[in-house]
Amino acid sequence: MSERILIPLPGLGTLELPREVFDQHLLKTLVPAPTLPSELVDADQLEERTGIPASWWMTQARERRVPFRKMGRYVRFELSEIMECDAYRRRALGNSDEISR
């Protein structure tokens, strides 16, 4: 007789599976999902890439209008998130009151 695995299901009881079935499904979840490379840049690097002043990027981060990461005392931006955010699109198109800031 093959080994059986009992999986507790709170409020429902238990699920009993043969070891082979359990291992097959367990191995499927261990395969890492593919990840896209992320590029974290600082405000000066964003200025170089977008032509928008670094001070504007820092103000937008401080006011939480653009996505950013805080690494200790440093602020970093993920380039792919920035390119998709509304504040950048408005600024790039020149359709925002924030241009004068």
Protein backbone atom coordinates (compact mmCIF):
# COMPACT_ATOMS: atom_id res chain seq x y z
CA MET A 1 0.00 0.00 0.00
CA SER A 2 1.41 3.42 -0.93
CA GLU A 3 1.99 6.14 1.61
CA ARG A 4 -0.86 8.65 2.01
CA ILE A 5 -0.60 12.31 2.94
CA LEU A 6 -3.21 13.99 5.10
CA ILE A 7 -3.72 17.72 4.51
CA PRO A 8 -5.82 19.50 7.16
CA LEU A 9 -8.51 21.79 5.79
CA PRO A 10 -9.77 24.00 8.66
CA GLY A 11 -13.54 23.84 8.97
CA LEU A 12 -13.84 21.12 6.31
CA GLY A 13 -11.86 18.13 7.56
CA THR A 14 -8.85 16.59 5.85
CA LEU A 15 -7.77 15.81 2.31
CA GLU A 16 -6.07 12.45 1.85
CA LEU A 17 -3.76 12.07 -1.16
CA PRO A 18 -1.40 9.35 -2.33
CA ARG A 19 2.24 10.40 -1.92
CA GLU A 20 2.78 10.36 -5.71
CA VAL A 21 -0.08 12.80 -6.37
CA PHE A 22 1.06 15.08 -3.55
CA ASP A 23 4.64 15.13 -4.87
CA GLN A 24 3.51 15.84 -8.45
CA HIS A 25 1.53 18.90 -7.42
CA LEU A 26 4.13 20.07 -4.95
CA LEU A 27 6.84 20.02 -7.60
CA LYS A 28 4.73 22.15 -9.95
CA THR A 29 4.60 24.95 -7.40
CA LEU A 30 8.36 24.87 -6.83
CA VAL A 31 9.14 25.97 -10.38
CA PRO A 32 9.91 29.69 -10.12
CA ALA A 33 7.78 32.04 -12.17
CA PRO A 34 9.68 33.99 -14.80
CA THR A 35 10.42 37.53 -13.74
CA LEU A 36 11.08 40.54 -15.86
CA PRO A 37 14.26 42.38 -15.02
CA SER A 38 13.55 45.54 -13.11
CA GLU A 39 15.70 48.58 -13.36
CA LEU A 40 15.86 50.84 -10.33
CA VAL A 41 17.12 54.34 -11.02
CA ASP A 42 17.54 57.50 -8.98
CA ALA A 43 16.04 60.91 -9.78
CA ASP A 44 19.16 62.09 -11.64
CA GLN A 45 19.07 59.04 -13.90
CA LEU A 46 15.38 59.65 -14.53
CA GLU A 47 16.20 63.22 -15.53
CA GLU A 48 18.75 61.93 -18.05
CA ARG A 49 16.25 59.49 -19.54
CA THR A 50 13.13 61.65 -19.57
CA GLY A 51 14.39 65.25 -19.67
CA ILE A 52 12.24 66.04 -16.63
CA PRO A 53 14.17 67.66 -13.75
CA ALA A 54 15.24 65.45 -10.84
CA SER A 55 13.64 67.92 -8.43
CA TRP A 56 10.25 67.30 -10.07
CA TRP A 57 10.67 63.53 -9.60
CA MET A 58 11.57 63.96 -5.93
CA THR A 59 8.59 66.25 -5.34
CA GLN A 60 6.27 63.75 -7.01
CA ALA A 61 7.66 60.93 -4.86
CA ARG A 62 7.33 63.00 -1.69
CA GLU A 63 3.69 63.73 -2.60
CA ARG A 64 3.20 60.05 -3.55
CA ARG A 65 2.14 60.83 -7.12
CA VAL A 66 4.63 58.45 -8.73
CA PRO A 67 5.65 54.93 -7.65
CA PHE A 68 8.97 54.71 -5.84
CA ARG A 69 10.97 52.51 -3.48
CA LYS A 70 12.57 53.70 -0.29
CA MET A 71 15.92 52.03 0.42
CA GLY A 72 17.05 53.40 3.70
CA ARG A 73 17.33 57.10 3.06
CA TYR A 74 17.54 56.68 -0.70
CA VAL A 75 14.64 56.99 -3.12
CA ARG A 76 14.67 54.79 -6.21
CA PHE A 77 12.23 54.51 -9.07
CA GLU A 78 11.44 51.42 -11.13
CA LEU A 79 11.65 52.57 -14.72
CA SER A 80 8.84 50.37 -16.04
CA GLU A 81 6.42 51.62 -13.35
CA ILE A 82 7.36 55.24 -14.00
CA MET A 83 6.68 54.95 -17.72
CA GLU A 84 3.16 53.71 -16.96
CA CYS A 85 2.18 56.19 -14.24
CA ASP A 86 -0.31 59.00 -14.89
CA ALA A 87 1.83 61.81 -13.45
CA TYR A 88 4.65 61.05 -15.90
CA ARG A 89 2.28 60.81 -18.84
CA ARG A 90 0.65 64.15 -17.99
CA ARG A 91 4.04 65.81 -17.56
CA ALA A 92 5.45 64.29 -20.75
CA LEU A 93 2.42 65.50 -22.70
CA GLY A 94 2.54 68.93 -21.09
CA ASN A 95 -1.11 68.73 -19.97
CA SER A 96 -0.62 69.31 -16.26
CA ASP A 97 -0.60 72.16 -13.80
CA GLU A 98 2.43 70.49 -12.22
CA ILE A 99 4.67 71.74 -15.01
CA SER A 100 5.07 75.10 -13.32
CA ARG A 101 6.23 73.47 -10.06
